[in-house]
Amino acid sequence: MMNMMNMMKQAQNIQKRLKETQDELNKMEISGEAGNGSVKVVCDGKGLFKSIKLSAEAINPENPSSVSQDSLEMLEDLITAAINQTSSKAQSVMEEKMKSVTGGISIPGLF
């Protein structure tokens, strides 16, 4: 009986640490860039897309001053929306595929 209680306590501790780790990963910001910093992308610790920043040089390297800030922000918003929509669809597909494998049983941390 004591062994079972210890196992339950260990399972609770593991569950707590997993939750804390997931929260920490959600709060992280990991960035990458291309084109000498003209395109910057930020993801969270789970690799989920958060934002993109574009420079005028990335849009029109010959004449960056011709690119307005409003145009940059609109393009950033469009790219962000497209990536988030695609990620959401991919998440749904993955969940459906995993449910077919697990028979609908929810396995914490799996999806």
N, C-alpha and C. Protein backbone atom coordinates (compact mmCIF):
# COMPACT_ATOMS: atom_id res chain seq x y z
N MET A 1 0.83 -1.20 0.00
CA MET A 1 0.00 0.00 0.00
C MET A 1 0.87 1.26 0.00
N MET A 2 1.93 1.24 0.79
CA MET A 2 2.83 2.39 0.87
C MET A 2 3.52 2.62 -0.46
N ASN A 3 3.89 1.54 -1.16
CA ASN A 3 4.54 1.64 -2.46
C ASN A 3 3.61 2.32 -3.47
N MET A 4 2.33 1.98 -3.43
CA MET A 4 1.35 2.57 -4.33
C MET A 4 1.20 4.06 -4.05
N MET A 5 1.22 4.45 -2.79
CA MET A 5 1.12 5.87 -2.42
C MET A 5 2.34 6.64 -2.92
N ASN A 6 3.52 6.03 -2.82
CA ASN A 6 4.73 6.67 -3.31
C ASN A 6 4.67 6.85 -4.82
N MET A 7 4.16 5.84 -5.51
CA MET A 7 4.03 5.94 -6.96
C MET A 7 3.06 7.06 -7.35
N MET A 8 1.97 7.17 -6.63
CA MET A 8 0.98 8.22 -6.90
C MET A 8 1.61 9.60 -6.67
N LYS A 9 2.38 9.72 -5.60
CA LYS A 9 3.04 10.98 -5.28
C LYS A 9 4.05 11.34 -6.38
N GLN A 10 4.81 10.35 -6.84
CA GLN A 10 5.77 10.59 -7.92
C GLN A 10 5.06 11.02 -9.20
N ALA A 11 3.94 10.38 -9.49
CA ALA A 11 3.17 10.73 -10.69
C ALA A 11 2.65 12.16 -10.60
N GLN A 12 2.21 12.57 -9.42
CA GLN A 12 1.74 13.94 -9.23
C GLN A 12 2.89 14.94 -9.41
N ASN A 13 4.05 14.59 -8.88
CA ASN A 13 5.22 15.47 -9.03
C ASN A 13 5.62 15.61 -10.49
N ILE A 14 5.59 14.51 -11.21
CA ILE A 14 5.93 14.53 -12.64
C ILE A 14 4.92 15.39 -13.39
N GLN A 15 3.64 15.21 -13.07
CA GLN A 15 2.59 15.99 -13.73
C GLN A 15 2.78 17.48 -13.46
N LYS A 16 3.13 17.83 -12.24
CA LYS A 16 3.36 19.23 -11.88
C LYS A 16 4.55 19.79 -12.65
N ARG A 17 5.64 19.01 -12.73
CA ARG A 17 6.83 19.47 -13.45
C ARG A 17 6.55 19.62 -14.95
N LEU A 18 5.75 18.71 -15.50
CA LEU A 18 5.38 18.81 -16.91
C LEU A 18 4.59 20.09 -17.18
N LYS A 19 3.65 20.41 -16.30
CA LYS A 19 2.85 21.63 -16.44
C LYS A 19 3.74 22.85 -16.35
N GLU A 20 4.65 22.88 -15.39
CA GLU A 20 5.57 24.00 -15.24
C GLU A 20 6.45 24.16 -16.48
N THR A 21 6.92 23.05 -17.02
CA THR A 21 7.77 23.09 -18.21
C THR A 21 6.99 23.59 -19.41
N GLN A 22 5.73 23.13 -19.57
CA GLN A 22 4.90 23.60 -20.67
C GLN A 22 4.65 25.10 -20.56
N ASP A 23 4.38 25.58 -19.34
CA ASP A 23 4.18 27.01 -19.13
C ASP A 23 5.43 27.80 -19.49
N GLU A 24 6.58 27.28 -19.09
CA GLU A 24 7.85 27.93 -19.40
C GLU A 24 8.09 27.99 -20.91
N LEU A 25 7.81 26.89 -21.61
CA LEU A 25 7.98 26.84 -23.06
C LEU A 25 7.04 27.83 -23.76
N ASN A 26 5.81 27.95 -23.26
CA ASN A 26 4.85 28.89 -23.84
C ASN A 26 5.32 30.34 -23.72
N LYS A 27 6.03 30.65 -22.66
CA LYS A 27 6.48 32.02 -22.40
C LYS A 27 7.78 32.38 -23.13
N MET A 28 8.51 31.38 -23.59
CA MET A 28 9.78 31.62 -24.27
C MET A 28 9.56 32.31 -25.61
N GLU A 29 10.54 33.10 -26.01
CA GLU A 29 10.56 33.67 -27.35
C GLU A 29 11.90 33.33 -27.97
N ILE A 30 11.85 32.57 -29.04
CA ILE A 30 13.05 32.15 -29.76
C ILE A 30 12.98 32.78 -31.13
N SER A 31 14.03 33.50 -31.50
CA SER A 31 13.98 34.21 -32.77
C SER A 31 15.04 33.71 -33.74
N GLY A 32 14.73 33.92 -35.00
CA GLY A 32 15.66 33.61 -36.07
C GLY A 32 15.53 34.69 -37.12
N GLU A 33 16.55 34.81 -37.95
CA GLU A 33 16.49 35.83 -38.98
C GLU A 33 17.18 35.36 -40.25
N ALA A 34 16.86 36.06 -41.33
CA ALA A 34 17.46 35.77 -42.63
C ALA A 34 17.70 37.09 -43.34
N GLY A 35 18.51 37.02 -44.37
CA GLY A 35 18.78 38.22 -45.17
C GLY A 35 19.42 39.33 -44.37
N ASN A 36 20.43 38.96 -43.57
CA ASN A 36 21.12 39.96 -42.73
C ASN A 36 20.17 40.73 -41.83
N GLY A 37 19.15 40.03 -41.31
CA GLY A 37 18.21 40.65 -40.38
C GLY A 37 17.03 41.32 -41.03
N SER A 38 16.89 41.21 -42.34
CA SER A 38 15.77 41.86 -43.01
C SER A 38 14.44 41.12 -42.79
N VAL A 39 14.53 39.87 -42.38
CA VAL A 39 13.34 39.09 -42.02
C VAL A 39 13.63 38.44 -40.67
N LYS A 40 12.78 38.73 -39.68
CA LYS A 40 12.94 38.17 -38.34
C LYS A 40 11.65 37.47 -37.94
N VAL A 41 11.80 36.26 -37.39
CA VAL A 41 10.66 35.45 -36.99
C VAL A 41 10.83 35.06 -35.52
N VAL A 42 9.71 35.06 -34.79
CA VAL A 42 9.73 34.67 -33.38
C VAL A 42 8.76 33.51 -33.19
N CYS A 43 9.22 32.48 -32.47
CA CYS A 43 8.40 31.33 -32.09
C CYS A 43 8.45 31.19 -30.58
N ASP A 44 7.51 30.42 -30.03
CA ASP A 44 7.60 30.12 -28.61
C ASP A 44 8.48 28.89 -28.43
N GLY A 45 8.64 28.45 -27.20
CA GLY A 45 9.51 27.32 -26.91
C GLY A 45 9.03 26.00 -27.45
N LYS A 46 7.78 25.95 -27.90
CA LYS A 46 7.24 24.74 -28.51
C LYS A 46 7.38 24.77 -30.02
N GLY A 47 7.93 25.88 -30.53
CA GLY A 47 8.10 26.02 -31.97
C GLY A 47 6.90 26.60 -32.67
N LEU A 48 5.91 27.09 -31.91
CA LEU A 48 4.73 27.68 -32.53
C LEU A 48 5.02 29.12 -32.92
N PHE A 49 4.65 29.49 -34.12
CA PHE A 49 4.90 30.82 -34.67
C PHE A 49 4.21 31.89 -33.85
N LYS A 50 4.93 32.99 -33.59
CA LYS A 50 4.35 34.13 -32.87
C LYS A 50 4.29 35.38 -33.72
N SER A 51 5.40 35.71 -34.39
CA SER A 51 5.40 36.96 -35.17
C SER A 51 6.49 36.97 -36.23
N ILE A 52 6.34 37.93 -37.14
CA ILE A 52 7.34 38.16 -38.18
C ILE A 52 7.53 39.67 -38.31
N LYS A 53 8.76 40.08 -38.55
CA LYS A 53 9.08 41.48 -38.81
C LYS A 53 9.88 41.54 -40.10
N LEU A 54 9.46 42.42 -40.99
CA LEU A 54 10.11 42.59 -42.28
C LEU A 54 10.71 43.99 -42.36
N SER A 55 11.85 44.10 -43.02
CA SER A 55 12.41 45.43 -43.27
C SER A 55 12.02 45.84 -44.69
N ALA A 56 12.08 47.12 -44.93
CA ALA A 56 11.77 47.63 -46.27
C ALA A 56 12.73 47.04 -47.30
N GLU A 57 13.96 46.75 -46.89
CA GLU A 57 14.95 46.16 -47.80
C GLU A 57 14.54 44.76 -48.26
N ALA A 58 13.80 44.05 -47.42
CA ALA A 58 13.34 42.71 -47.80
C ALA A 58 12.28 42.78 -48.89
N ILE A 59 11.53 43.86 -48.92
CA ILE A 59 10.45 44.02 -49.90
C ILE A 59 10.98 44.63 -51.20
N ASN A 60 11.79 45.68 -51.06
CA ASN A 60 12.32 46.36 -52.24
C ASN A 60 13.77 46.75 -51.99
N PRO A 61 14.68 45.82 -52.24
CA PRO A 61 16.09 46.10 -51.96
C PRO A 61 16.68 47.24 -52.80
N GLU A 62 16.10 47.47 -53.98
CA GLU A 62 16.59 48.54 -54.87
C GLU A 62 16.19 49.92 -54.36
N ASN A 63 15.01 49.99 -53.72
CA ASN A 63 14.50 51.28 -53.27
C ASN A 63 13.68 51.10 -51.98
N PRO A 64 14.34 50.79 -50.87
CA PRO A 64 13.61 50.52 -49.63
C PRO A 64 12.76 51.70 -49.14
N SER A 65 13.14 52.91 -49.49
CA SER A 65 12.36 54.07 -49.03
C SER A 65 10.99 54.15 -49.70
N SER A 66 10.79 53.38 -50.77
CA SER A 66 9.49 53.38 -51.45
C SER A 66 8.46 52.51 -50.72
N VAL A 67 8.91 51.76 -49.71
CA VAL A 67 8.01 50.86 -48.98
C VAL A 67 7.54 51.56 -47.70
N SER A 68 6.24 51.73 -47.59
CA SER A 68 5.70 52.43 -46.41
C SER A 68 5.61 51.49 -45.21
N GLN A 69 5.61 52.06 -44.04
CA GLN A 69 5.46 51.29 -42.81
C GLN A 69 4.12 50.57 -42.79
N ASP A 70 3.08 51.22 -43.30
CA ASP A 70 1.75 50.60 -43.36
C ASP A 70 1.77 49.35 -44.24
N SER A 71 2.49 49.42 -45.37
CA SER A 71 2.59 48.26 -46.25
C SER A 71 3.33 47.12 -45.57
N LEU A 72 4.41 47.45 -44.86
CA LEU A 72 5.15 46.42 -44.13
C LEU A 72 4.27 45.75 -43.09
N GLU A 73 3.56 46.55 -42.31
CA GLU A 73 2.70 45.99 -41.26
C GLU A 73 1.58 45.15 -41.84
N MET A 74 1.00 45.58 -42.96
CA MET A 74 -0.06 44.80 -43.59
C MET A 74 0.48 43.45 -44.06
N LEU A 75 1.66 43.46 -44.69
CA LEU A 75 2.27 42.22 -45.16
C LEU A 75 2.62 41.30 -43.99
N GLU A 76 3.16 41.86 -42.91
CA GLU A 76 3.47 41.08 -41.71
C GLU A 76 2.20 40.43 -41.15
N ASP A 77 1.11 41.22 -41.11
CA ASP A 77 -0.17 40.69 -40.61
C ASP A 77 -0.71 39.57 -41.50
N LEU A 78 -0.60 39.74 -42.82
CA LEU A 78 -1.08 38.71 -43.75
C LEU A 78 -0.27 37.42 -43.60
N ILE A 79 1.04 37.55 -43.51
CA ILE A 79 1.90 36.37 -43.34
C ILE A 79 1.59 35.69 -42.01
N THR A 80 1.45 36.48 -40.95
CA THR A 80 1.13 35.93 -39.63
C THR A 80 -0.20 35.17 -39.67
N ALA A 81 -1.21 35.76 -40.28
CA ALA A 81 -2.52 35.11 -40.37
C ALA A 81 -2.44 33.80 -41.15
N ALA A 82 -1.72 33.80 -42.25
CA ALA A 82 -1.59 32.59 -43.07
C ALA A 82 -0.86 31.48 -42.31
N ILE A 83 0.22 31.83 -41.64
CA ILE A 83 0.97 30.82 -40.87
C ILE A 83 0.12 30.28 -39.73
N ASN A 84 -0.56 31.15 -39.01
CA ASN A 84 -1.38 30.69 -37.88
C ASN A 84 -2.55 29.83 -38.35
N GLN A 85 -3.17 30.19 -39.47
CA GLN A 85 -4.26 29.37 -40.01
C GLN A 85 -3.75 27.98 -40.40
N THR A 86 -2.60 27.95 -41.05
CA THR A 86 -2.02 26.67 -41.47
C THR A 86 -1.63 25.82 -40.26
N SER A 87 -1.04 26.45 -39.26
CA SER A 87 -0.66 25.72 -38.04
C SER A 87 -1.88 25.14 -37.34
N SER A 88 -2.95 25.91 -37.30
CA SER A 88 -4.18 25.44 -36.67
C SER A 88 -4.76 24.24 -37.43
N LYS A 89 -4.75 24.32 -38.76
CA LYS A 89 -5.23 23.19 -39.56
C LYS A 89 -4.35 21.96 -39.34
N ALA A 90 -3.04 22.16 -39.32
CA ALA A 90 -2.12 21.04 -39.11
C ALA A 90 -2.34 20.41 -37.73
N GLN A 91 -2.59 21.22 -36.71
CA GLN A 91 -2.85 20.73 -35.36
C GLN A 91 -4.12 19.86 -35.36
N SER A 92 -5.16 20.34 -36.04
CA SER A 92 -6.41 19.58 -36.11
C SER A 92 -6.22 18.24 -36.81
N VAL A 93 -5.49 18.25 -37.91
CA VAL A 93 -5.22 17.01 -38.65
C VAL A 93 -4.44 16.04 -37.76
N MET A 94 -3.42 16.56 -37.06
CA MET A 94 -2.62 15.70 -36.18
C MET A 94 -3.48 15.10 -35.07
N GLU A 95 -4.34 15.92 -34.46
CA GLU A 95 -5.21 15.41 -33.40
C GLU A 95 -6.13 14.32 -33.90
N GLU A 96 -6.70 14.51 -35.08
CA GLU A 96 -7.58 13.49 -35.66
C GLU A 96 -6.82 12.20 -35.94
N LYS A 97 -5.64 12.31 -36.49
CA LYS A 97 -4.82 11.12 -36.78
C LYS A 97 -4.46 10.40 -35.49
N MET A 98 -4.09 11.15 -34.46
CA MET A 98 -3.70 10.54 -33.19
C MET A 98 -4.91 9.89 -32.51
N LYS A 99 -6.09 10.50 -32.63
CA LYS A 99 -7.30 9.91 -32.05
C LYS A 99 -7.60 8.57 -32.72
N SER A 100 -7.35 8.49 -34.02
CA SER A 100 -7.61 7.23 -34.70
C SER A 100 -6.65 6.14 -34.22
N VAL A 101 -5.45 6.53 -33.83
CA VAL A 101 -4.47 5.57 -33.33
C VAL A 101 -4.78 5.17 -31.89
N THR A 102 -5.19 6.15 -31.07
CA THR A 102 -5.42 5.89 -29.64
C THR A 102 -6.86 5.46 -29.34
N GLY A 103 -7.70 5.40 -30.38
CA GLY A 103 -9.08 5.02 -30.15
C GLY A 103 -9.87 6.08 -29.42
N GLY A 104 -9.44 7.34 -29.53
CA GLY A 104 -10.13 8.44 -28.89
C GLY A 104 -9.72 8.70 -27.46
N ILE A 105 -8.80 7.89 -26.94
CA ILE A 105 -8.33 8.08 -25.58
C ILE A 105 -7.36 9.26 -25.57
N SER A 106 -7.59 10.19 -24.65
CA SER A 106 -6.71 11.35 -24.53
C SER A 106 -5.49 10.98 -23.70
N ILE A 107 -4.32 11.11 -24.30
CA ILE A 107 -3.06 10.84 -23.60
C ILE A 107 -2.36 12.17 -23.37
N PRO A 108 -2.27 12.62 -22.11
CA PRO A 108 -1.68 13.92 -21.81
C PRO A 108 -0.27 14.05 -22.41
N GLY A 109 -0.03 15.20 -23.04
CA GLY A 109 1.27 15.47 -23.62
C GLY A 109 1.43 14.94 -25.04
N LEU A 110 0.50 14.11 -25.47
CA LEU A 110 0.59 13.54 -26.82
C LEU A 110 0.02 14.52 -27.85
N PHE A 111 -1.09 15.16 -27.50
CA PHE A 111 -1.68 16.19 -28.36
C PHE A 111 -2.57 17.06 -27.56
